[in-house]
């Protein structure tokens, strides 16, 4: 079944969250985007950066919630914690009509989506029955970032996405290219590509002679595949990738079922 769309954004209640934390500049950009769409905007985000936290829940300690001002809260937990608390408790009288996540500092493409706390916000919202879009802004070759691209293209993209029905088990993952708004070559809907980061492990010794380890540096060796999110970004385009929550591989279910029968 598709979500109820088209969505009337002028009357919509919109929830914002992220994984870079409540003070992240990308969240401020997302709030600017959301306020061009609706007056009913809520922010529930982590107190501190939670990058690469994936779809994790805090189960072994209590969560603390801090109200900064009306409709703006910080949670000392993960992006998933924030989304769960926001929808089921903070906004319990009326669920949001739409969840927007990000805008992440850096892209979330290829296999990055399995690590991403930004994508996890959208995953949790989708599981709770709310349509969701995750946004990320690519950095340039020097590590800089131009938020103007997300700011200019974001509102129109949200309007176009919510005007089109998509299944209740699908979330949208959007990546903006590392270029000025006027240099964007367009919007393309593509699958995510294949890339693995974080395999470089650094072993060091503490003053007592015990080994410890850093995951990183997060070096990337990009194999640009045309027709994927990475390929679109390399061409200066905005990539939109529908992600499906059902991870079951149907053909293997059928073949393995026969083999093990």
C-alpha atoms as a PDB file:
ATOM      1  CA  UNK A   1       0.000   0.000   0.000  1.00  0.00           C
ATOM      2  CA  UNK A   2       1.279   3.518  -0.756  1.00  0.00           C
ATOM      3  CA  UNK A   3       1.442   6.334   1.761  1.00  0.00           C
ATOM      4  CA  UNK A   4      -1.429   8.799   1.543  1.00  0.00           C
ATOM      5  CA  UNK A   5      -0.263  11.220  -1.111  1.00  0.00           C
ATOM      6  CA  UNK A   6      -0.216  13.822  -2.478  1.00  0.00           C
ATOM      7  CA  UNK A   7       0.516  15.441   0.873  1.00  0.00           C
ATOM      8  CA  UNK A   8      -0.733  18.975   1.535  1.00  0.00           C
ATOM      9  CA  UNK A   9       2.507  20.449   2.853  1.00  0.00           C
ATOM     10  CA  UNK A  10       0.882  23.730   3.878  1.00  0.00           C
ATOM     11  CA  UNK A  11      -1.039  21.789   6.546  1.00  0.00           C
ATOM     12  CA  UNK A  12       1.582  19.146   7.232  1.00  0.00           C
ATOM     13  CA  UNK A  13       3.285  18.490  10.550  1.00  0.00           C
ATOM     14  CA  UNK A  14       6.958  17.915   9.757  1.00  0.00           C
ATOM     15  CA  UNK A  15       9.528  16.271  12.039  1.00  0.00           C
ATOM     16  CA  UNK A  16      13.242  16.918  11.548  1.00  0.00           C
ATOM     17  CA  UNK A  17      16.146  14.880  12.896  1.00  0.00           C
ATOM     18  CA  UNK A  18      19.711  13.970  11.958  1.00  0.00           C
ATOM     19  CA  UNK A  19      22.850  12.158  13.079  1.00  0.00           C
ATOM     20  CA  UNK A  20      25.223  15.159  13.207  1.00  0.00           C
ATOM     21  CA  UNK A  21      23.589  16.547  16.357  1.00  0.00           C
ATOM     22  CA  UNK A  22      21.275  19.336  17.432  1.00  0.00           C
ATOM     23  CA  UNK A  23      23.868  22.069  16.687  1.00  0.00           C
ATOM     24  CA  UNK A  24      24.830  20.807  13.217  1.00  0.00           C
ATOM     25  CA  UNK A  25      24.755  23.395  10.410  1.00  0.00           C
ATOM     26  CA  UNK A  26      23.037  20.879   8.152  1.00  0.00           C
ATOM     27  CA  UNK A  27      20.119  20.665  10.575  1.00  0.00           C
ATOM     28  CA  UNK A  28      19.770  24.444  10.432  1.00  0.00           C
ATOM     29  CA  UNK A  29      19.656  24.157   6.629  1.00  0.00           C
ATOM     30  CA  UNK A  30      16.996  21.440   6.859  1.00  0.00           C
ATOM     31  CA  UNK A  31      14.945  23.634   9.172  1.00  0.00           C
ATOM     32  CA  UNK A  32      15.084  26.455   6.638  1.00  0.00           C
ATOM     33  CA  UNK A  33      13.907  24.041   3.957  1.00  0.00           C
ATOM     34  CA  UNK A  34      11.063  22.746   6.119  1.00  0.00           C
ATOM     35  CA  UNK A  35       9.844  26.221   7.074  1.00  0.00           C
ATOM     36  CA  UNK A  36       9.343  27.080   3.404  1.00  0.00           C
ATOM     37  CA  UNK A  37       6.898  24.167   3.312  1.00  0.00           C
ATOM     38  CA  UNK A  38       4.972  24.342   6.596  1.00  0.00           C
ATOM     39  CA  UNK A  39       4.600  26.336   9.826  1.00  0.00           C
ATOM     40  CA  UNK A  40       4.268  23.170  11.930  1.00  0.00           C
ATOM     41  CA  UNK A  41       7.908  22.085  12.153  1.00  0.00           C
ATOM     42  CA  UNK A  42       9.352  20.038  15.031  1.00  0.00           C
ATOM     43  CA  UNK A  43      13.020  19.243  15.704  1.00  0.00           C
ATOM     44  CA  UNK A  44      14.145  16.246  17.773  1.00  0.00           C
ATOM     45  CA  UNK A  45      17.847  15.522  17.299  1.00  0.00           C
ATOM     46  CA  UNK A  46      20.780  13.952  19.185  1.00  0.00           C
ATOM     47  CA  UNK A  47      22.660  16.037  21.753  1.00  0.00           C
ATOM     48  CA  UNK A  48      25.973  15.029  20.144  1.00  0.00           C
ATOM     49  CA  UNK A  49      27.171  13.675  16.826  1.00  0.00           C
ATOM     50  CA  UNK A  50      26.015  10.121  16.126  1.00  0.00           C
ATOM     51  CA  UNK A  51      27.483   9.523  12.672  1.00  0.00           C
ATOM     52  CA  UNK A  52      27.654   5.875  11.552  1.00  0.00           C
ATOM     53  CA  UNK A  53      25.333   4.851  14.386  1.00  0.00           C
ATOM     54  CA  UNK A  54      23.144   3.043  11.859  1.00  0.00           C
ATOM     55  CA  UNK A  55      19.693   1.907  13.020  1.00  0.00           C
ATOM     56  CA  UNK A  56      20.696   1.429  16.661  1.00  0.00           C
ATOM     57  CA  UNK A  57      18.533   1.788  19.759  1.00  0.00           C
ATOM     58  CA  UNK A  58      19.697   2.636  23.292  1.00  0.00           C
ATOM     59  CA  UNK A  59      18.477  -0.253  25.468  1.00  0.00           C
ATOM     60  CA  UNK A  60      20.807  -0.456  28.481  1.00  0.00           C
ATOM     61  CA  UNK A  61      20.421   2.988  30.012  1.00  0.00           C
ATOM     62  CA  UNK A  62      17.660   5.589  30.276  1.00  0.00           C
ATOM     63  CA  UNK A  63      17.385   8.396  27.736  1.00  0.00           C
ATOM     64  CA  UNK A  64      17.387  12.057  28.714  1.00  0.00           C
ATOM     65  CA  UNK A  65      15.277  14.569  26.844  1.00  0.00           C
ATOM     66  CA  UNK A  66      16.035  18.300  26.897  1.00  0.00           C
ATOM     67  CA  UNK A  67      13.489  20.844  25.682  1.00  0.00           C
ATOM     68  CA  UNK A  68      15.382  23.746  24.165  1.00  0.00           C
ATOM     69  CA  UNK A  69      12.307  25.718  23.204  1.00  0.00           C
ATOM     70  CA  UNK A  70       8.810  24.830  21.991  1.00  0.00           C
ATOM     71  CA  UNK A  71       8.914  22.111  19.316  1.00  0.00           C
ATOM     72  CA  UNK A  72      12.706  21.765  19.644  1.00  0.00           C
ATOM     73  CA  UNK A  73      14.281  18.940  21.672  1.00  0.00           C
ATOM     74  CA  UNK A  74      17.657  17.261  22.143  1.00  0.00           C
ATOM     75  CA  UNK A  75      18.022  13.599  23.120  1.00  0.00           C
ATOM     76  CA  UNK A  76      21.148  11.969  24.554  1.00  0.00           C
ATOM     77  CA  UNK A  77      20.768   8.996  22.268  1.00  0.00           C
ATOM     78  CA  UNK A  78      20.897   7.787  18.698  1.00  0.00           C
ATOM     79  CA  UNK A  79      19.007   9.104  15.662  1.00  0.00           C
ATOM     80  CA  UNK A  80      16.663   6.123  15.953  1.00  0.00           C
ATOM     81  CA  UNK A  81      16.024   6.975  19.618  1.00  0.00           C
ATOM     82  CA  UNK A  82      15.158  10.526  18.596  1.00  0.00           C
ATOM     83  CA  UNK A  83      12.698   9.432  15.940  1.00  0.00           C
ATOM     84  CA  UNK A  84      11.030   6.883  18.186  1.00  0.00           C
ATOM     85  CA  UNK A  85      10.641   9.337  21.080  1.00  0.00           C
ATOM     86  CA  UNK A  86       9.426  12.110  18.808  1.00  0.00           C
ATOM     87  CA  UNK A  87       6.704  10.122  17.063  1.00  0.00           C
ATOM     88  CA  UNK A  88       5.504   7.994  19.978  1.00  0.00           C
ATOM     89  CA  UNK A  89       5.866  10.428  22.861  1.00  0.00           C
ATOM     90  CA  UNK A  90       6.802  14.043  22.156  1.00  0.00           C
ATOM     91  CA  UNK A  91       4.346  14.362  19.273  1.00  0.00           C
ATOM     92  CA  UNK A  92       2.020  11.677  20.592  1.00  0.00           C
ATOM     93  CA  UNK A  93      -1.151  13.736  20.232  1.00  0.00           C
ATOM     94  CA  UNK A  94      -0.647  13.829  16.453  1.00  0.00           C
ATOM     95  CA  UNK A  95       1.949  11.993  14.412  1.00  0.00           C
ATOM     96  CA  UNK A  96       4.011  13.912  11.887  1.00  0.00           C
ATOM     97  CA  UNK A  97       2.853  13.748   8.307  1.00  0.00           C
ATOM     98  CA  UNK A  98       6.428  13.741   7.036  1.00  0.00           C
ATOM     99  CA  UNK A  99       9.917  13.140   8.456  1.00  0.00           C
ATOM    100  CA  UNK A 100      12.973  14.841   6.982  1.00  0.00           C
ATOM    101  CA  UNK A 101      16.472  13.782   8.027  1.00  0.00           C
ATOM    102  CA  UNK A 102      19.802  15.607   7.601  1.00  0.00           C
ATOM    103  CA  UNK A 103      21.082  17.522   5.891  1.00  0.00           C
ATOM    104  CA  UNK A 104      24.055  15.252   6.506  1.00  0.00           C
ATOM    105  CA  UNK A 105      27.608  16.604   6.301  1.00  0.00           C
ATOM    106  CA  UNK A 106      28.859  14.373   3.499  1.00  0.00           C
ATOM    107  CA  UNK A 107      27.135  12.007   1.132  1.00  0.00           C
ATOM    108  CA  UNK A 108      25.348   8.782   2.031  1.00  0.00           C
ATOM    109  CA  UNK A 109      25.658   6.624  -1.057  1.00  0.00           C
ATOM    110  CA  UNK A 110      26.298   2.999  -2.006  1.00  0.00           C
ATOM    111  CA  UNK A 111      26.857   0.747   1.013  1.00  0.00           C
ATOM    112  CA  UNK A 112      27.193   3.807   3.267  1.00  0.00           C
ATOM    113  CA  UNK A 113      23.420   3.642   3.726  1.00  0.00           C
ATOM    114  CA  UNK A 114      23.758   0.612   6.008  1.00  0.00           C
ATOM    115  CA  UNK A 115      25.938   2.610   8.433  1.00  0.00           C
ATOM    116  CA  UNK A 116      24.158   5.944   8.157  1.00  0.00           C
ATOM    117  CA  UNK A 117      22.326   7.441  11.111  1.00  0.00           C
ATOM    118  CA  UNK A 118      20.783   9.915   8.673  1.00  0.00           C
ATOM    119  CA  UNK A 119      19.184   7.095   6.724  1.00  0.00           C
ATOM    120  CA  UNK A 120      18.235   5.372  10.014  1.00  0.00           C
ATOM    121  CA  UNK A 121      15.997   8.318  10.938  1.00  0.00           C
ATOM    122  CA  UNK A 122      14.051   7.760   7.726  1.00  0.00           C
ATOM    123  CA  UNK A 123      14.021   3.992   8.308  1.00  0.00           C
ATOM    124  CA  UNK A 124      12.535   4.331  11.780  1.00  0.00           C
ATOM    125  CA  UNK A 125       9.928   6.826  10.602  1.00  0.00           C
ATOM    126  CA  UNK A 126       8.931   4.470   7.794  1.00  0.00           C
ATOM    127  CA  UNK A 127       8.587   1.580  10.249  1.00  0.00           C
ATOM    128  CA  UNK A 128       6.306   3.817  12.334  1.00  0.00           C
ATOM    129  CA  UNK A 129       4.110   4.556   9.348  1.00  0.00           C
ATOM    130  CA  UNK A 130       5.385   8.019   8.394  1.00  0.00           C
ATOM    131  CA  UNK A 131       6.838   8.837   4.947  1.00  0.00           C
ATOM    132  CA  UNK A 132      10.443   9.968   5.207  1.00  0.00           C
ATOM    133  CA  UNK A 133      13.245  11.494   3.169  1.00  0.00           C
ATOM    134  CA  UNK A 134      16.949  11.480   4.086  1.00  0.00           C
ATOM    135  CA  UNK A 135      19.138  14.304   2.733  1.00  0.00           C
ATOM    136  CA  UNK A 136      22.926  14.473   2.450  1.00  0.00           C
ATOM    137  CA  UNK A 137      25.238  17.133   1.024  1.00  0.00           C
ATOM    138  CA  UNK A 138      28.463  15.971  -0.622  1.00  0.00           C
ATOM    139  CA  UNK A 139      31.728  17.695   0.274  1.00  0.00           C
ATOM    140  CA  UNK A 140      34.088  18.992  -2.383  1.00  0.00           C
ATOM    141  CA  UNK A 141      37.616  17.758  -3.105  1.00  0.00           C
ATOM    142  CA  UNK A 142      39.058  20.062  -0.431  1.00  0.00           C
ATOM    143  CA  UNK A 143      36.645  18.879   2.252  1.00  0.00           C
ATOM    144  CA  UNK A 144      34.505  22.014   2.033  1.00  0.00           C
ATOM    145  CA  UNK A 145      30.755  22.089   1.742  1.00  0.00           C
ATOM    146  CA  UNK A 146      28.283  24.416   0.034  1.00  0.00           C
ATOM    147  CA  UNK A 147      24.959  24.200   1.845  1.00  0.00           C
ATOM    148  CA  UNK A 148      23.385  26.521  -0.730  1.00  0.00           C
ATOM    149  CA  UNK A 149      22.802  23.585  -3.074  1.00  0.00           C
ATOM    150  CA  UNK A 150      20.635  21.710  -0.576  1.00  0.00           C
ATOM    151  CA  UNK A 151      18.947  24.921   0.486  1.00  0.00           C
ATOM    152  CA  UNK A 152      17.958  25.917  -3.050  1.00  0.00           C
ATOM    153  CA  UNK A 153      17.002  22.516  -4.404  1.00  0.00           C
ATOM    154  CA  UNK A 154      15.558  20.956  -1.234  1.00  0.00           C
ATOM    155  CA  UNK A 155      12.098  22.569  -1.023  1.00  0.00           C
ATOM    156  CA  UNK A 156      11.137  21.854  -4.617  1.00  0.00           C
ATOM    157  CA  UNK A 157      12.406  18.304  -4.372  1.00  0.00           C
ATOM    158  CA  UNK A 158      10.308  17.643  -1.262  1.00  0.00           C
ATOM    159  CA  UNK A 159       7.234  19.010  -3.017  1.00  0.00           C
ATOM    160  CA  UNK A 160       7.804  16.801  -6.038  1.00  0.00           C
ATOM    161  CA  UNK A 161       8.462  13.688  -3.961  1.00  0.00           C
ATOM    162  CA  UNK A 162       5.393  13.967  -1.732  1.00  0.00           C
ATOM    163  CA  UNK A 163       3.211  14.567  -4.794  1.00  0.00           C
ATOM    164  CA  UNK A 164       4.093  11.062  -5.962  1.00  0.00           C
ATOM    165  CA  UNK A 165       2.871   7.996  -4.034  1.00  0.00           C
ATOM    166  CA  UNK A 166       5.432   5.464  -2.890  1.00  0.00           C
ATOM    167  CA  UNK A 167       4.993   2.209  -0.910  1.00  0.00           C
ATOM    168  CA  UNK A 168       4.754   2.225   2.885  1.00  0.00           C
ATOM    169  CA  UNK A 169       7.912   0.097   3.093  1.00  0.00           C
ATOM    170  CA  UNK A 170      10.046   2.555   1.095  1.00  0.00           C
ATOM    171  CA  UNK A 171      12.053   5.614   2.151  1.00  0.00           C
ATOM    172  CA  UNK A 172      13.818   8.154  -0.035  1.00  0.00           C
ATOM    173  CA  UNK A 173      17.570   8.773   0.093  1.00  0.00           C
ATOM    174  CA  UNK A 174      18.640  12.060  -1.542  1.00  0.00           C
ATOM    175  CA  UNK A 175      22.207  13.221  -2.149  1.00  0.00           C
ATOM    176  CA  UNK A 176      23.209  16.693  -3.343  1.00  0.00           C
ATOM    177  CA  UNK A 177      26.386  17.056  -5.442  1.00  0.00           C
ATOM    178  CA  UNK A 178      29.456  19.098  -4.369  1.00  0.00           C
ATOM    179  CA  UNK A 179      28.762  22.050  -6.631  1.00  0.00           C
ATOM    180  CA  UNK A 180      27.003  25.417  -6.605  1.00  0.00           C
ATOM    181  CA  UNK A 181      23.206  25.373  -7.034  1.00  0.00           C
ATOM    182  CA  UNK A 182      23.377  26.718 -10.563  1.00  0.00           C
ATOM    183  CA  UNK A 183      25.789  23.999 -11.647  1.00  0.00           C
ATOM    184  CA  UNK A 184      23.459  21.114 -10.746  1.00  0.00           C
ATOM    185  CA  UNK A 185      22.781  19.049 -13.857  1.00  0.00           C
ATOM    186  CA  UNK A 186      19.393  17.732 -12.768  1.00  0.00           C
ATOM    187  CA  UNK A 187      17.650  15.126 -10.614  1.00  0.00           C
ATOM    188  CA  UNK A 188      17.856  11.420 -11.358  1.00  0.00           C
ATOM    189  CA  UNK A 189      16.220   8.423  -9.673  1.00  0.00           C
ATOM    190  CA  UNK A 190      18.814   5.649  -9.525  1.00  0.00           C
ATOM    191  CA  UNK A 191      19.814   2.592  -7.483  1.00  0.00           C
ATOM    192  CA  UNK A 192      22.673   2.872  -5.038  1.00  0.00           C
ATOM    193  CA  UNK A 193      26.076   1.722  -6.193  1.00  0.00           C
ATOM    194  CA  UNK A 194      28.675  -0.541  -4.619  1.00  0.00           C
ATOM    195  CA  UNK A 195      31.392   0.826  -2.362  1.00  0.00           C
ATOM    196  CA  UNK A 196      32.873  -0.181   0.988  1.00  0.00           C
ATOM    197  CA  UNK A 197      34.618   2.261   3.323  1.00  0.00           C
ATOM    198  CA  UNK A 198      36.230   1.966   6.737  1.00  0.00           C
ATOM    199  CA  UNK A 199      38.386  -1.102   6.154  1.00  0.00           C
ATOM    200  CA  UNK A 200      41.610   0.730   7.088  1.00  0.00           C
ATOM    201  CA  UNK A 201      42.387  -0.162  10.715  1.00  0.00           C
ATOM    202  CA  UNK A 202      45.074   1.660  12.688  1.00  0.00           C
ATOM    203  CA  UNK A 203      46.697  -0.108  15.638  1.00  0.00           C
ATOM    204  CA  UNK A 204      48.481   1.998  18.262  1.00  0.00           C
ATOM    205  CA  UNK A 205      49.815   1.495  21.759  1.00  0.00           C
ATOM    206  CA  UNK A 206      48.708   3.267  24.912  1.00  0.00           C
ATOM    207  CA  UNK A 207      51.251   4.350  27.611  1.00  0.00           C
ATOM    208  CA  UNK A 208      50.816   1.011  29.386  1.00  0.00           C
ATOM    209  CA  UNK A 209      51.782  -0.989  26.330  1.00  0.00           C
ATOM    210  CA  UNK A 210      48.272  -2.160  25.430  1.00  0.00           C
ATOM    211  CA  UNK A 211      47.033  -2.040  21.866  1.00  0.00           C
ATOM    212  CA  UNK A 212      44.069   0.062  20.809  1.00  0.00           C
ATOM    213  CA  UNK A 213      42.501   0.558  17.420  1.00  0.00           C
ATOM    214  CA  UNK A 214      41.011   3.287  15.265  1.00  0.00           C
ATOM    215  CA  UNK A 215      38.632   2.472  12.439  1.00  0.00           C
ATOM    216  CA  UNK A 216      39.925   4.707   9.710  1.00  0.00           C
ATOM    217  CA  UNK A 217      40.998   6.843   8.095  1.00  0.00           C
ATOM    218  CA  UNK A 218      37.823   6.505   6.039  1.00  0.00           C
ATOM    219  CA  UNK A 219      39.645   6.461   2.730  1.00  0.00           C
ATOM    220  CA  UNK A 220      37.474   5.966  -0.324  1.00  0.00           C
ATOM    221  CA  UNK A 221      38.340   4.294  -3.596  1.00  0.00           C
ATOM    222  CA  UNK A 222      35.441   5.167  -5.841  1.00  0.00           C
ATOM    223  CA  UNK A 223      34.558   3.041  -8.821  1.00  0.00           C
ATOM    224  CA  UNK A 224      32.114   5.270 -10.638  1.00  0.00           C
ATOM    225  CA  UNK A 225      29.254   3.190 -12.008  1.00  0.00           C
ATOM    226  CA  UNK A 226      27.037   5.064 -14.464  1.00  0.00           C
ATOM    227  CA  UNK A 227      23.392   4.939 -13.530  1.00  0.00           C
ATOM    228  CA  UNK A 228      24.008   4.770  -9.763  1.00  0.00           C
ATOM    229  CA  UNK A 229      23.898   7.371  -7.006  1.00  0.00           C
ATOM    230  CA  UNK A 230      27.675   7.739  -7.108  1.00  0.00           C
ATOM    231  CA  UNK A 231      27.630   8.113 -10.866  1.00  0.00           C
ATOM    232  CA  UNK A 232      24.943  10.814 -10.748  1.00  0.00           C
ATOM    233  CA  UNK A 233      26.845  12.813  -8.123  1.00  0.00           C
ATOM    234  CA  UNK A 234      30.039  12.619 -10.141  1.00  0.00           C
ATOM    235  CA  UNK A 235      28.143  14.220 -13.029  1.00  0.00           C
ATOM    236  CA  UNK A 236      26.881  17.062 -10.837  1.00  0.00           C
ATOM    237  CA  UNK A 237      23.378  15.686 -10.461  1.00  0.00           C
ATOM    238  CA  UNK A 238      21.107  15.100  -7.462  1.00  0.00           C
ATOM    239  CA  UNK A 239      20.546  11.408  -6.803  1.00  0.00           C
ATOM    240  CA  UNK A 240      17.260  10.062  -5.448  1.00  0.00           C
ATOM    241  CA  UNK A 241      17.299   6.414  -4.369  1.00  0.00           C
ATOM    242  CA  UNK A 242      14.203   4.636  -3.043  1.00  0.00           C
ATOM    243  CA  UNK A 243      15.317   2.232  -0.299  1.00  0.00           C
ATOM    244  CA  UNK A 244      13.200  -0.788   0.646  1.00  0.00           C
ATOM    245  CA  UNK A 245      12.931  -1.961   4.253  1.00  0.00           C
ATOM    246  CA  UNK A 246      12.320  -5.592   3.290  1.00  0.00           C
ATOM    247  CA  UNK A 247      15.822  -7.083   3.087  1.00  0.00           C
ATOM    248  CA  UNK A 248      14.590 -10.541   2.102  1.00  0.00           C
ATOM    249  CA  UNK A 249      16.011 -11.828  -1.192  1.00  0.00           C
ATOM    250  CA  UNK A 250      13.021 -13.450  -2.862  1.00  0.00           C
ATOM    251  CA  UNK A 251      14.796 -15.657  -5.434  1.00  0.00           C
ATOM    252  CA  UNK A 252      17.012 -17.199  -2.735  1.00  0.00           C
ATOM    253  CA  UNK A 253      13.973 -17.882  -0.542  1.00  0.00           C
ATOM    254  CA  UNK A 254      12.513 -19.885  -3.404  1.00  0.00           C
ATOM    255  CA  UNK A 255      15.681 -21.770  -4.376  1.00  0.00           C
ATOM    256  CA  UNK A 256      16.812 -22.439  -0.790  1.00  0.00           C
ATOM    257  CA  UNK A 257      13.321 -23.505   0.166  1.00  0.00           C
ATOM    258  CA  UNK A 258      13.419 -26.180  -2.522  1.00  0.00           C
ATOM    259  CA  UNK A 259      16.943 -27.257  -1.557  1.00  0.00           C
ATOM    260  CA  UNK A 260      16.102 -27.622   2.145  1.00  0.00           C
ATOM    261  CA  UNK A 261      12.645 -29.091   1.727  1.00  0.00           C
END
